[in-house]
Amino acid sequence: MLLKVIIYTYLRKLYSSRKIEQAIHENIHFMWLSGQSKPDHNTLNDFRGKHLQGHLKKIYHQVMLLLVEQGLISLKDIFVNGTKIEANANRYTFVWGKSIKTSKARIKK
């Protein structure tokens, strides 16, 4: 249950254990994932620190590949590390082409 909650919070860009605890109490999605359990922030932090140390990156990667295989997301839609992308609304638009190619290659890998 805690693993499901942690993965979902990371997909939603929630990293603070106190904010995750608050979301479990207030958000229906988190309530469903937790099975109406309400772990406190210390439990969430201990779980991340003791059980997921060094494994979270692999698990997250597997979840992303599963979502790609099921057609729910596309690798074209994933951008990491603040890569600069051209915006049509900006007067000073630019793209670092090499950076985008490197990022795509790294994501596909």
PDB file of N, CA and C in Angstrom:
ATOM      1  N   MET A   1       0.826  -1.186   0.000  1.00  0.00           N
ATOM      2  CA  MET A   1       0.000   0.000   0.000  1.00  0.00           C
ATOM      3  C   MET A   1       0.872   1.252   0.000  1.00  0.00           C
ATOM      4  N   LEU A   2       1.885   1.250   0.839  1.00  0.00           N
ATOM      5  CA  LEU A   2       2.767   2.416   0.898  1.00  0.00           C
ATOM      6  C   LEU A   2       3.506   2.632  -0.419  1.00  0.00           C
ATOM      7  N   LEU A   3       3.889   1.550  -1.079  1.00  0.00           N
ATOM      8  CA  LEU A   3       4.579   1.680  -2.364  1.00  0.00           C
ATOM      9  C   LEU A   3       3.661   2.331  -3.398  1.00  0.00           C
ATOM     10  N   LYS A   4       2.400   1.913  -3.451  1.00  0.00           N
ATOM     11  CA  LYS A   4       1.447   2.521  -4.391  1.00  0.00           C
ATOM     12  C   LYS A   4       1.310   4.013  -4.121  1.00  0.00           C
ATOM     13  N   VAL A   5       1.185   4.369  -2.867  1.00  0.00           N
ATOM     14  CA  VAL A   5       1.022   5.775  -2.500  1.00  0.00           C
ATOM     15  C   VAL A   5       2.266   6.575  -2.878  1.00  0.00           C
ATOM     16  N   ILE A   6       3.433   6.047  -2.572  1.00  0.00           N
ATOM     17  CA  ILE A   6       4.689   6.759  -2.872  1.00  0.00           C
ATOM     18  C   ILE A   6       4.853   6.949  -4.384  1.00  0.00           C
ATOM     19  N   ILE A   7       4.623   5.905  -5.172  1.00  0.00           N
ATOM     20  CA  ILE A   7       4.751   6.024  -6.628  1.00  0.00           C
ATOM     21  C   ILE A   7       3.780   7.069  -7.157  1.00  0.00           C
ATOM     22  N   TYR A   8       2.541   7.027  -6.688  1.00  0.00           N
ATOM     23  CA  TYR A   8       1.543   7.988  -7.159  1.00  0.00           C
ATOM     24  C   TYR A   8       1.912   9.412  -6.763  1.00  0.00           C
ATOM     25  N   THR A   9       2.437   9.589  -5.558  1.00  0.00           N
ATOM     26  CA  THR A   9       2.815  10.938  -5.136  1.00  0.00           C
ATOM     27  C   THR A   9       3.979  11.459  -5.965  1.00  0.00           C
ATOM     28  N   TYR A  10       4.913  10.600  -6.309  1.00  0.00           N
ATOM     29  CA  TYR A  10       6.035  11.046  -7.134  1.00  0.00           C
ATOM     30  C   TYR A  10       5.567  11.400  -8.541  1.00  0.00           C
ATOM     31  N   LEU A  11       4.587  10.668  -9.063  1.00  0.00           N
ATOM     32  CA  LEU A  11       4.030  11.020 -10.369  1.00  0.00           C
ATOM     33  C   LEU A  11       3.318  12.368 -10.318  1.00  0.00           C
ATOM     34  N   ARG A  12       2.796  12.724  -9.156  1.00  0.00           N
ATOM     35  CA  ARG A  12       2.099  13.995  -8.977  1.00  0.00           C
ATOM     36  C   ARG A  12       3.027  15.092  -8.452  1.00  0.00           C
ATOM     37  N   LYS A  13       4.322  14.793  -8.362  1.00  0.00           N
ATOM     38  CA  LYS A  13       5.352  15.726  -7.903  1.00  0.00           C
ATOM     39  C   LYS A  13       5.128  16.183  -6.463  1.00  0.00           C
ATOM     40  N   LEU A  14       4.720  15.255  -5.622  1.00  0.00           N
ATOM     41  CA  LEU A  14       4.609  15.485  -4.187  1.00  0.00           C
ATOM     42  C   LEU A  14       5.727  14.697  -3.520  1.00  0.00           C
ATOM     43  N   TYR A  15       6.595  15.377  -2.785  1.00  0.00           N
ATOM     44  CA  TYR A  15       7.743  14.696  -2.192  1.00  0.00           C
ATOM     45  C   TYR A  15       7.774  14.812  -0.670  1.00  0.00           C
ATOM     46  N   SER A  16       7.145  15.812  -0.116  1.00  0.00           N
ATOM     47  CA  SER A  16       7.149  16.037   1.323  1.00  0.00           C
ATOM     48  C   SER A  16       6.254  15.008   2.020  1.00  0.00           C
ATOM     49  N   SER A  17       6.779  14.362   3.044  1.00  0.00           N
ATOM     50  CA  SER A  17       5.986  13.345   3.755  1.00  0.00           C
ATOM     51  C   SER A  17       4.788  13.974   4.454  1.00  0.00           C
ATOM     52  N   ARG A  18       4.912  15.187   4.904  1.00  0.00           N
ATOM     53  CA  ARG A  18       3.776  15.861   5.543  1.00  0.00           C
ATOM     54  C   ARG A  18       2.687  16.192   4.522  1.00  0.00           C
ATOM     55  N   LYS A  19       3.081  16.590   3.310  1.00  0.00           N
ATOM     56  CA  LYS A  19       2.084  16.871   2.272  1.00  0.00           C
ATOM     57  C   LYS A  19       1.430  15.579   1.777  1.00  0.00           C
ATOM     58  N   ILE A  20       2.198  14.503   1.756  1.00  0.00           N
ATOM     59  CA  ILE A  20       1.629  13.204   1.373  1.00  0.00           C
ATOM     60  C   ILE A  20       0.606  12.774   2.427  1.00  0.00           C
ATOM     61  N   GLU A  21       0.952  12.948   3.697  1.00  0.00           N
ATOM     62  CA  GLU A  21       0.017  12.611   4.773  1.00  0.00           C
ATOM     63  C   GLU A  21      -1.268  13.429   4.649  1.00  0.00           C
ATOM     64  N   GLN A  22      -1.132  14.699   4.358  1.00  0.00           N
ATOM     65  CA  GLN A  22      -2.298  15.566   4.187  1.00  0.00           C
ATOM     66  C   GLN A  22      -3.143  15.105   2.997  1.00  0.00           C
ATOM     67  N   ALA A  23      -2.495  14.732   1.898  1.00  0.00           N
ATOM     68  CA  ALA A  23      -3.213  14.267   0.705  1.00  0.00           C
ATOM     69  C   ALA A  23      -3.978  12.976   1.002  1.00  0.00           C
ATOM     70  N   ILE A  24      -3.404  12.088   1.808  1.00  0.00           N
ATOM     71  CA  ILE A  24      -4.075  10.838   2.164  1.00  0.00           C
ATOM     72  C   ILE A  24      -5.354  11.121   2.960  1.00  0.00           C
ATOM     73  N   HIS A  25      -5.349  12.179   3.743  1.00  0.00           N
ATOM     74  CA  HIS A  25      -6.523  12.536   4.537  1.00  0.00           C
ATOM     75  C   HIS A  25      -7.572  13.283   3.715  1.00  0.00           C
ATOM     76  N   GLU A  26      -7.157  14.005   2.648  1.00  0.00           N
ATOM     77  CA  GLU A  26      -8.076  14.905   1.946  1.00  0.00           C
ATOM     78  C   GLU A  26      -8.452  14.478   0.526  1.00  0.00           C
ATOM     79  N   ASN A  27      -7.562  13.792  -0.180  1.00  0.00           N
ATOM     80  CA  ASN A  27      -7.762  13.504  -1.599  1.00  0.00           C
ATOM     81  C   ASN A  27      -8.325  12.090  -1.776  1.00  0.00           C
ATOM     82  N   ILE A  28      -9.402  11.983  -2.531  1.00  0.00           N
ATOM     83  CA  ILE A  28     -10.079  10.695  -2.721  1.00  0.00           C
ATOM     84  C   ILE A  28      -9.191   9.677  -3.430  1.00  0.00           C
ATOM     85  N   HIS A  29      -8.331  10.122  -4.339  1.00  0.00           N
ATOM     86  CA  HIS A  29      -7.425   9.206  -5.033  1.00  0.00           C
ATOM     87  C   HIS A  29      -6.451   8.554  -4.051  1.00  0.00           C
ATOM     88  N   PHE A  30      -5.920   9.361  -3.152  1.00  0.00           N
ATOM     89  CA  PHE A  30      -4.980   8.842  -2.167  1.00  0.00           C
ATOM     90  C   PHE A  30      -5.686   7.946  -1.155  1.00  0.00           C
ATOM     91  N   MET A  31      -6.928   8.293  -0.809  1.00  0.00           N
ATOM     92  CA  MET A  31      -7.694   7.451   0.110  1.00  0.00           C
ATOM     93  C   MET A  31      -7.908   6.069  -0.488  1.00  0.00           C
ATOM     94  N   TRP A  32      -8.226   6.032  -1.782  1.00  0.00           N
ATOM     95  CA  TRP A  32      -8.460   4.758  -2.458  1.00  0.00           C
ATOM     96  C   TRP A  32      -7.173   3.943  -2.524  1.00  0.00           C
ATOM     97  N   LEU A  33      -6.065   4.597  -2.896  1.00  0.00           N
ATOM     98  CA  LEU A  33      -4.789   3.881  -2.986  1.00  0.00           C
ATOM     99  C   LEU A  33      -4.347   3.327  -1.632  1.00  0.00           C
ATOM    100  N   SER A  34      -4.605   4.083  -0.585  1.00  0.00           N
ATOM    101  CA  SER A  34      -4.164   3.642   0.742  1.00  0.00           C
ATOM    102  C   SER A  34      -5.144   2.682   1.393  1.00  0.00           C
ATOM    103  N   GLY A  35      -6.282   2.419   0.750  1.00  0.00           N
ATOM    104  CA  GLY A  35      -7.267   1.511   1.332  1.00  0.00           C
ATOM    105  C   GLY A  35      -7.834   2.050   2.633  1.00  0.00           C
ATOM    106  N   GLN A  36      -8.000   3.357   2.691  1.00  0.00           N
ATOM    107  CA  GLN A  36      -8.508   4.069   3.869  1.00  0.00           C
ATOM    108  C   GLN A  36      -7.557   4.006   5.071  1.00  0.00           C
ATOM    109  N   SER A  37      -6.345   3.490   4.881  1.00  0.00           N
ATOM    110  CA  SER A  37      -5.329   3.574   5.940  1.00  0.00           C
ATOM    111  C   SER A  37      -4.800   4.998   5.958  1.00  0.00           C
ATOM    112  N   LYS A  38      -4.409   5.450   7.121  1.00  0.00           N
ATOM    113  CA  LYS A  38      -3.913   6.815   7.237  1.00  0.00           C
ATOM    114  C   LYS A  38      -2.554   6.824   7.927  1.00  0.00           C
ATOM    115  N   PRO A  39      -1.502   6.420   7.201  1.00  0.00           N
ATOM    116  CA  PRO A  39      -0.165   6.447   7.809  1.00  0.00           C
ATOM    117  C   PRO A  39       0.287   7.886   8.053  1.00  0.00           C
ATOM    118  N   ASP A  40       1.026   8.089   9.122  1.00  0.00           N
ATOM    119  CA  ASP A  40       1.515   9.439   9.390  1.00  0.00           C
ATOM    120  C   ASP A  40       2.824   9.687   8.640  1.00  0.00           C
ATOM    121  N   HIS A  41       3.305  10.911   8.720  1.00  0.00           N
ATOM    122  CA  HIS A  41       4.493  11.290   7.948  1.00  0.00           C
ATOM    123  C   HIS A  41       5.740  10.525   8.386  1.00  0.00           C
ATOM    124  N   ASN A  42       5.832  10.142   9.647  1.00  0.00           N
ATOM    125  CA  ASN A  42       6.985   9.368  10.107  1.00  0.00           C
ATOM    126  C   ASN A  42       7.005   7.983   9.457  1.00  0.00           C
ATOM    127  N   THR A  43       5.846   7.356   9.351  1.00  0.00           N
ATOM    128  CA  THR A  43       5.749   6.040   8.718  1.00  0.00           C
ATOM    129  C   THR A  43       6.148   6.124   7.253  1.00  0.00           C
ATOM    130  N   LEU A  44       5.647   7.142   6.570  1.00  0.00           N
ATOM    131  CA  LEU A  44       5.995   7.331   5.158  1.00  0.00           C
ATOM    132  C   LEU A  44       7.499   7.544   4.985  1.00  0.00           C
ATOM    133  N   ASN A  45       8.073   8.366   5.842  1.00  0.00           N
ATOM    134  CA  ASN A  45       9.510   8.650   5.763  1.00  0.00           C
ATOM    135  C   ASN A  45      10.341   7.412   6.074  1.00  0.00           C
ATOM    136  N   ASP A  46       9.950   6.663   7.089  1.00  0.00           N
ATOM    137  CA  ASP A  46      10.679   5.431   7.431  1.00  0.00           C
ATOM    138  C   ASP A  46      10.617   4.428   6.286  1.00  0.00           C
ATOM    139  N   PHE A  47       9.444   4.294   5.661  1.00  0.00           N
ATOM    140  CA  PHE A  47       9.297   3.369   4.549  1.00  0.00           C
ATOM    141  C   PHE A  47      10.215   3.762   3.393  1.00  0.00           C
ATOM    142  N   ARG A  48      10.240   5.044   3.063  1.00  0.00           N
ATOM    143  CA  ARG A  48      11.118   5.511   1.984  1.00  0.00           C
ATOM    144  C   ARG A  48      12.586   5.281   2.328  1.00  0.00           C
ATOM    145  N   GLY A  49      12.950   5.574   3.563  1.00  0.00           N
ATOM    146  CA  GLY A  49      14.349   5.490   3.963  1.00  0.00           C
ATOM    147  C   GLY A  49      14.865   4.073   4.138  1.00  0.00           C
ATOM    148  N   LYS A  50      14.044   3.195   4.689  1.00  0.00           N
ATOM    149  CA  LYS A  50      14.504   1.844   5.007  1.00  0.00           C
ATOM    150  C   LYS A  50      14.269   0.847   3.881  1.00  0.00           C
ATOM    151  N   HIS A  51      13.116   0.911   3.241  1.00  0.00           N
ATOM    152  CA  HIS A  51      12.755  -0.123   2.271  1.00  0.00           C
ATOM    153  C   HIS A  51      13.000   0.271   0.816  1.00  0.00           C
ATOM    154  N   LEU A  52      12.972   1.549   0.523  1.00  0.00           N
ATOM    155  CA  LEU A  52      13.104   1.965  -0.876  1.00  0.00           C
ATOM    156  C   LEU A  52      14.475   2.552  -1.203  1.00  0.00           C
ATOM    157  N   GLN A  53      15.331   2.641  -0.223  1.00  0.00           N
ATOM    158  CA  GLN A  53      16.661   3.219  -0.441  1.00  0.00           C
ATOM    159  C   GLN A  53      17.402   2.464  -1.541  1.00  0.00           C
ATOM    160  N   GLY A  54      17.665   3.121  -2.647  1.00  0.00           N
ATOM    161  CA  GLY A  54      18.398   2.506  -3.753  1.00  0.00           C
ATOM    162  C   GLY A  54      17.533   1.728  -4.728  1.00  0.00           C
ATOM    163  N   HIS A  55      16.258   1.529  -4.412  1.00  0.00           N
ATOM    164  CA  HIS A  55      15.370   0.755  -5.283  1.00  0.00           C
ATOM    165  C   HIS A  55      14.325   1.612  -5.979  1.00  0.00           C
ATOM    166  N   LEU A  56      14.099   2.805  -5.478  1.00  0.00           N
ATOM    167  CA  LEU A  56      12.998   3.629  -5.978  1.00  0.00           C
ATOM    168  C   LEU A  56      13.170   4.003  -7.444  1.00  0.00           C
ATOM    169  N   LYS A  57      14.389   4.281  -7.854  1.00  0.00           N
ATOM    170  CA  LYS A  57      14.627   4.656  -9.254  1.00  0.00           C
ATOM    171  C   LYS A  57      14.260   3.508 -10.197  1.00  0.00           C
ATOM    172  N   LYS A  58      14.635   2.279  -9.834  1.00  0.00           N
ATOM    173  CA  LYS A  58      14.306   1.109 -10.660  1.00  0.00           C
ATOM    174  C   LYS A  58      12.797   0.885 -10.719  1.00  0.00           C
ATOM    175  N   ILE A  59      12.138   1.006  -9.577  1.00  0.00           N
ATOM    176  CA  ILE A  59      10.691   0.807  -9.522  1.00  0.00           C
ATOM    177  C   ILE A  59       9.977   1.858 -10.358  1.00  0.00           C
ATOM    178  N   TYR A  60      10.386   3.097 -10.211  1.00  0.00           N
ATOM    179  CA  TYR A  60       9.782   4.195 -10.973  1.00  0.00           C
ATOM    180  C   TYR A  60       9.974   3.968 -12.469  1.00  0.00           C
ATOM    181  N   HIS A  61      11.143   3.522 -12.858  1.00  0.00           N
ATOM    182  CA  HIS A  61      11.438   3.232 -14.258  1.00  0.00           C
ATOM    183  C   HIS A  61      10.516   2.124 -14.781  1.00  0.00           C
ATOM    184  N   GLN A  62      10.307   1.081 -14.002  1.00  0.00           N
ATOM    185  CA  GLN A  62       9.430  -0.017 -14.405  1.00  0.00           C
ATOM    186  C   GLN A  62       7.989   0.451 -14.552  1.00  0.00           C
ATOM    187  N   VAL A  63       7.553   1.325 -13.659  1.00  0.00           N
ATOM    188  CA  VAL A  63       6.194   1.862 -13.753  1.00  0.00           C
ATOM    189  C   VAL A  63       6.036   2.672 -15.035  1.00  0.00           C
ATOM    190  N   MET A  64       7.035   3.496 -15.347  1.00  0.00           N
ATOM    191  CA  MET A  64       6.963   4.295 -16.569  1.00  0.00           C
ATOM    192  C   MET A  64       6.928   3.394 -17.808  1.00  0.00           C
ATOM    193  N   LEU A  65       7.729   2.350 -17.841  1.00  0.00           N
ATOM    194  CA  LEU A  65       7.712   1.418 -18.979  1.00  0.00           C
ATOM    195  C   LEU A  65       6.364   0.706 -19.094  1.00  0.00           C
ATOM    196  N   LEU A  66       5.767   0.348 -17.960  1.00  0.00           N
ATOM    197  CA  LEU A  66       4.452  -0.283 -17.969  1.00  0.00           C
ATOM    198  C   LEU A  66       3.398   0.662 -18.549  1.00  0.00           C
ATOM    199  N   LEU A  67       3.456   1.932 -18.163  1.00  0.00           N
ATOM    200  CA  LEU A  67       2.513   2.915 -18.695  1.00  0.00           C
ATOM    201  C   LEU A  67       2.695   3.118 -20.195  1.00  0.00           C
ATOM    202  N   VAL A  68       3.948   3.057 -20.666  1.00  0.00           N
ATOM    203  CA  VAL A  68       4.224   3.183 -22.101  1.00  0.00           C
ATOM    204  C   VAL A  68       3.680   1.970 -22.843  1.00  0.00           C
ATOM    205  N   GLU A  69       3.907   0.768 -22.308  1.00  0.00           N
ATOM    206  CA  GLU A  69       3.427  -0.459 -22.950  1.00  0.00           C
ATOM    207  C   GLU A  69       1.908  -0.490 -23.057  1.00  0.00           C
ATOM    208  N   GLN A  70       1.230   0.061 -22.055  1.00  0.00           N
ATOM    209  CA  GLN A  70      -0.227   0.072 -22.070  1.00  0.00           C
ATOM    210  C   GLN A  70      -0.792   1.223 -22.901  1.00  0.00           C
ATOM    211  N   GLY A  71       0.086   2.070 -23.418  1.00  0.00           N
ATOM    212  CA  GLY A  71      -0.350   3.168 -24.267  1.00  0.00           C
ATOM    213  C   GLY A  71      -0.933   4.348 -23.514  1.00  0.00           C
ATOM    214  N   LEU A  72      -0.702   4.411 -22.214  1.00  0.00           N
ATOM    215  CA  LEU A  72      -1.240   5.514 -21.418  1.00  0.00           C
ATOM    216  C   LEU A  72      -0.395   6.772 -21.520  1.00  0.00           C
ATOM    217  N   ILE A  73       0.893   6.600 -21.760  1.00  0.00           N
ATOM    218  CA  ILE A  73       1.779   7.745 -21.988  1.00  0.00           C
ATOM    219  C   ILE A  73       2.699   7.425 -23.159  1.00  0.00           C
ATOM    220  N   SER A  74       3.334   8.453 -23.668  1.00  0.00           N
ATOM    221  CA  SER A  74       4.283   8.292 -24.758  1.00  0.00           C
ATOM    222  C   SER A  74       5.626   8.855 -24.310  1.00  0.00           C
ATOM    223  N   LEU A  75       6.690   8.253 -24.772  1.00  0.00           N
ATOM    224  CA  LEU A  75       8.011   8.774 -24.408  1.00  0.00           C
ATOM    225  C   LEU A  75       8.248  10.159 -24.997  1.00  0.00           C
ATOM    226  N   LYS A  76       7.482  10.523 -26.008  1.00  0.00           N
ATOM    227  CA  LYS A  76       7.608  11.862 -26.580  1.00  0.00           C
ATOM    228  C   LYS A  76       7.112  12.917 -25.608  1.00  0.00           C
ATOM    229  N   ASP A  77       6.254  12.534 -24.675  1.00  0.00           N
ATOM    230  CA  ASP A  77       5.641  13.492 -23.757  1.00  0.00           C
ATOM    231  C   ASP A  77       6.435  13.701 -22.477  1.00  0.00           C
ATOM    232  N   ILE A  78       7.500  12.969 -22.285  1.00  0.00           N
ATOM    233  CA  ILE A  78       8.255  13.046 -21.038  1.00  0.00           C
ATOM    234  C   ILE A  78       9.484  13.929 -21.240  1.00  0.00           C
ATOM    235  N   PHE A  79       9.600  14.953 -20.407  1.00  0.00           N
ATOM    236  CA  PHE A  79      10.760  15.824 -20.438  1.00  0.00           C
ATOM    237  C   PHE A  79      11.317  15.907 -19.025  1.00  0.00           C
ATOM    238  N   VAL A  80      12.620  15.797 -18.913  1.00  0.00           N
ATOM    239  CA  VAL A  80      13.235  15.786 -17.589  1.00  0.00           C
ATOM    240  C   VAL A  80      14.292  16.865 -17.491  1.00  0.00           C
ATOM    241  N   ASN A  81      14.633  17.212 -16.278  1.00  0.00           N
ATOM    242  CA  ASN A  81      15.764  18.084 -15.968  1.00  0.00           C
ATOM    243  C   ASN A  81      15.633  19.488 -16.547  1.00  0.00           C
ATOM    244  N   GLY A  82      14.442  20.000 -16.733  1.00  0.00           N
ATOM    245  CA  GLY A  82      14.261  21.370 -17.197  1.00  0.00           C
ATOM    246  C   GLY A  82      14.822  21.609 -18.580  1.00  0.00           C
ATOM    247  N   THR A  83      14.747  20.628 -19.447  1.00  0.00           N
ATOM    248  CA  THR A  83      15.237  20.783 -20.808  1.00  0.00           C
ATOM    249  C   THR A  83      14.492  21.918 -21.491  1.00  0.00           C
ATOM    250  N   LYS A  84      15.215  22.782 -22.172  1.00  0.00           N
ATOM    251  CA  LYS A  84      14.596  23.925 -22.841  1.00  0.00           C
ATOM    252  C   LYS A  84      13.908  23.460 -24.114  1.00  0.00           C
ATOM    253  N   ILE A  85      12.646  23.811 -24.238  1.00  0.00           N
ATOM    254  CA  ILE A  85      11.837  23.473 -25.397  1.00  0.00           C
ATOM    255  C   ILE A  85      11.338  24.775 -26.017  1.00  0.00           C
ATOM    256  N   GLU A  86      11.278  24.820 -27.318  1.00  0.00           N
ATOM    257  CA  GLU A  86      10.842  26.032 -28.006  1.00  0.00           C
ATOM    258  C   GLU A  86       9.379  26.336 -27.681  1.00  0.00           C
ATOM    259  N   ALA A  87       9.108  27.589 -27.373  1.00  0.00           N
ATOM    260  CA  ALA A  87       7.746  28.036 -27.110  1.00  0.00           C
ATOM    261  C   ALA A  87       7.368  29.073 -28.157  1.00  0.00           C
ATOM    262  N   ASN A  88       6.245  28.886 -28.806  1.00  0.00           N
ATOM    263  CA  ASN A  88       5.810  29.810 -29.851  1.00  0.00           C
ATOM    264  C   ASN A  88       5.410  31.167 -29.295  1.00  0.00           C
ATOM    265  N   ALA A  89       4.985  31.230 -28.037  1.00  0.00           N
ATOM    266  CA  ALA A  89       4.506  32.468 -27.449  1.00  0.00           C
ATOM    267  C   ALA A  89       5.650  33.390 -27.027  1.00  0.00           C
ATOM    268  N   ASN A  90       6.837  32.878 -26.922  1.00  0.00           N
ATOM    269  CA  ASN A  90       7.965  33.665 -26.449  1.00  0.00           C
ATOM    270  C   ASN A  90       8.628  34.390 -27.603  1.00  0.00           C
ATOM    271  N   ARG A  91       8.972  35.631 -27.393  1.00  0.00           N
ATOM    272  CA  ARG A  91       9.632  36.431 -28.423  1.00  0.00           C
ATOM    273  C   ARG A  91      11.039  35.915 -28.705  1.00  0.00           C
ATOM    274  N   TYR A  92      11.689  35.435 -27.671  1.00  0.00           N
ATOM    275  CA  TYR A  92      13.058  34.942 -27.812  1.00  0.00           C
ATOM    276  C   TYR A  92      13.055  33.420 -27.729  1.00  0.00           C
ATOM    277  N   THR A  93      12.607  32.772 -28.770  1.00  0.00           N
ATOM    278  CA  THR A  93      12.529  31.315 -28.737  1.00  0.00           C
ATOM    279  C   THR A  93      13.841  30.701 -29.200  1.00  0.00           C
ATOM    280  N   PHE A  94      14.193  29.618 -28.572  1.00  0.00           N
ATOM    281  CA  PHE A  94      15.358  28.863 -28.998  1.00  0.00           C
ATOM    282  C   PHE A  94      15.239  27.439 -28.487  1.00  0.00           C
ATOM    283  N   VAL A  95      15.926  26.545 -29.142  1.00  0.00           N
ATOM    284  CA  VAL A  95      15.938  25.138 -28.751  1.00  0.00           C
ATOM    285  C   VAL A  95      17.381  24.668 -28.787  1.00  0.00           C
ATOM    286  N   TRP A  96      17.754  23.941 -27.779  1.00  0.00           N
ATOM    287  CA  TRP A  96      19.054  23.314 -27.787  1.00  0.00           C
ATOM    288  C   TRP A  96      18.864  21.924 -28.364  1.00  0.00           C
ATOM    289  N   GLY A  97      19.027  21.802 -29.659  1.00  0.00           N
ATOM    290  CA  GLY A  97      18.751  20.555 -30.366  1.00  0.00           C
ATOM    291  C   GLY A  97      19.537  19.378 -29.830  1.00  0.00           C
ATOM    292  N   LYS A  98      20.813  19.580 -29.572  1.00  0.00           N
ATOM    293  CA  LYS A  98      21.641  18.486 -29.077  1.00  0.00           C
ATOM    294  C   LYS A  98      21.155  18.016 -27.706  1.00  0.00           C
ATOM    295  N   SER A  99      20.736  18.956 -26.877  1.00  0.00           N
ATOM    296  CA  SER A  99      20.237  18.621 -25.553  1.00  0.00           C
ATOM    297  C   SER A  99      18.968  17.781 -25.639  1.00  0.00           C
ATOM    298  N   ILE A 100      18.080  18.128 -26.548  1.00  0.00           N
ATOM    299  CA  ILE A 100      16.829  17.384 -26.702  1.00  0.00           C
ATOM    300  C   ILE A 100      17.110  15.971 -27.210  1.00  0.00           C
ATOM    301  N   LYS A 101      18.022  15.841 -28.191  1.00  0.00           N
ATOM    302  CA  LYS A 101      18.356  14.519 -28.705  1.00  0.00           C
ATOM    303  C   LYS A 101      18.975  13.651 -27.615  1.00  0.00           C
ATOM    304  N   THR A 102      19.849  14.237 -26.804  1.00  0.00           N
ATOM    305  CA  THR A 102      20.485  13.500 -25.722  1.00  0.00           C
ATOM    306  C   THR A 102      19.450  13.063 -24.694  1.00  0.00           C
ATOM    307  N   SER A 103      18.521  13.947 -24.365  1.00  0.00           N
ATOM    308  CA  SER A 103      17.490  13.622 -23.384  1.00  0.00           C
ATOM    309  C   SER A 103      16.600  12.502 -23.901  1.00  0.00           C
ATOM    310  N   LYS A 104      16.197  12.572 -25.157  1.00  0.00           N
ATOM    311  CA  LYS A 104      15.356  11.518 -25.734  1.00  0.00           C
ATOM    312  C   LYS A 104      16.078  10.177 -25.735  1.00  0.00           C
ATOM    313  N   ALA A 105      17.358  10.201 -26.100  1.00  0.00           N
ATOM    314  CA  ALA A 105      18.130   8.956 -26.126  1.00  0.00           C
ATOM    315  C   ALA A 105      18.243   8.373 -24.727  1.00  0.00           C
ATOM    316  N   ARG A 106      18.462   9.237 -23.731  1.00  0.00           N
ATOM    317  CA  ARG A 106      18.602   8.789 -22.348  1.00  0.00           C
ATOM    318  C   ARG A 106      17.271   8.228 -21.828  1.00  0.00           C
ATOM    319  N   ILE A 107      16.159   8.845 -22.185  1.00  0.00           N
ATOM    320  CA  ILE A 107      14.857   8.373 -21.728  1.00  0.00           C
ATOM    321  C   ILE A 107      14.530   7.035 -22.370  1.00  0.00           C
ATOM    322  N   LYS A 108      14.790   6.898 -23.675  1.00  0.00           N
ATOM    323  CA  LYS A 108      14.505   5.639 -24.362  1.00  0.00           C
ATOM    324  C   LYS A 108      15.362   4.512 -23.826  1.00  0.00           C
ATOM    325  N   LYS A 109      16.602   4.861 -23.442  1.00  0.00           N
ATOM    326  CA  LYS A 109      17.516   3.867 -22.905  1.00  0.00           C
ATOM    327  C   LYS A 109      17.007   3.392 -21.578  1.00  0.00           C
TER     328      LYS A 109
END
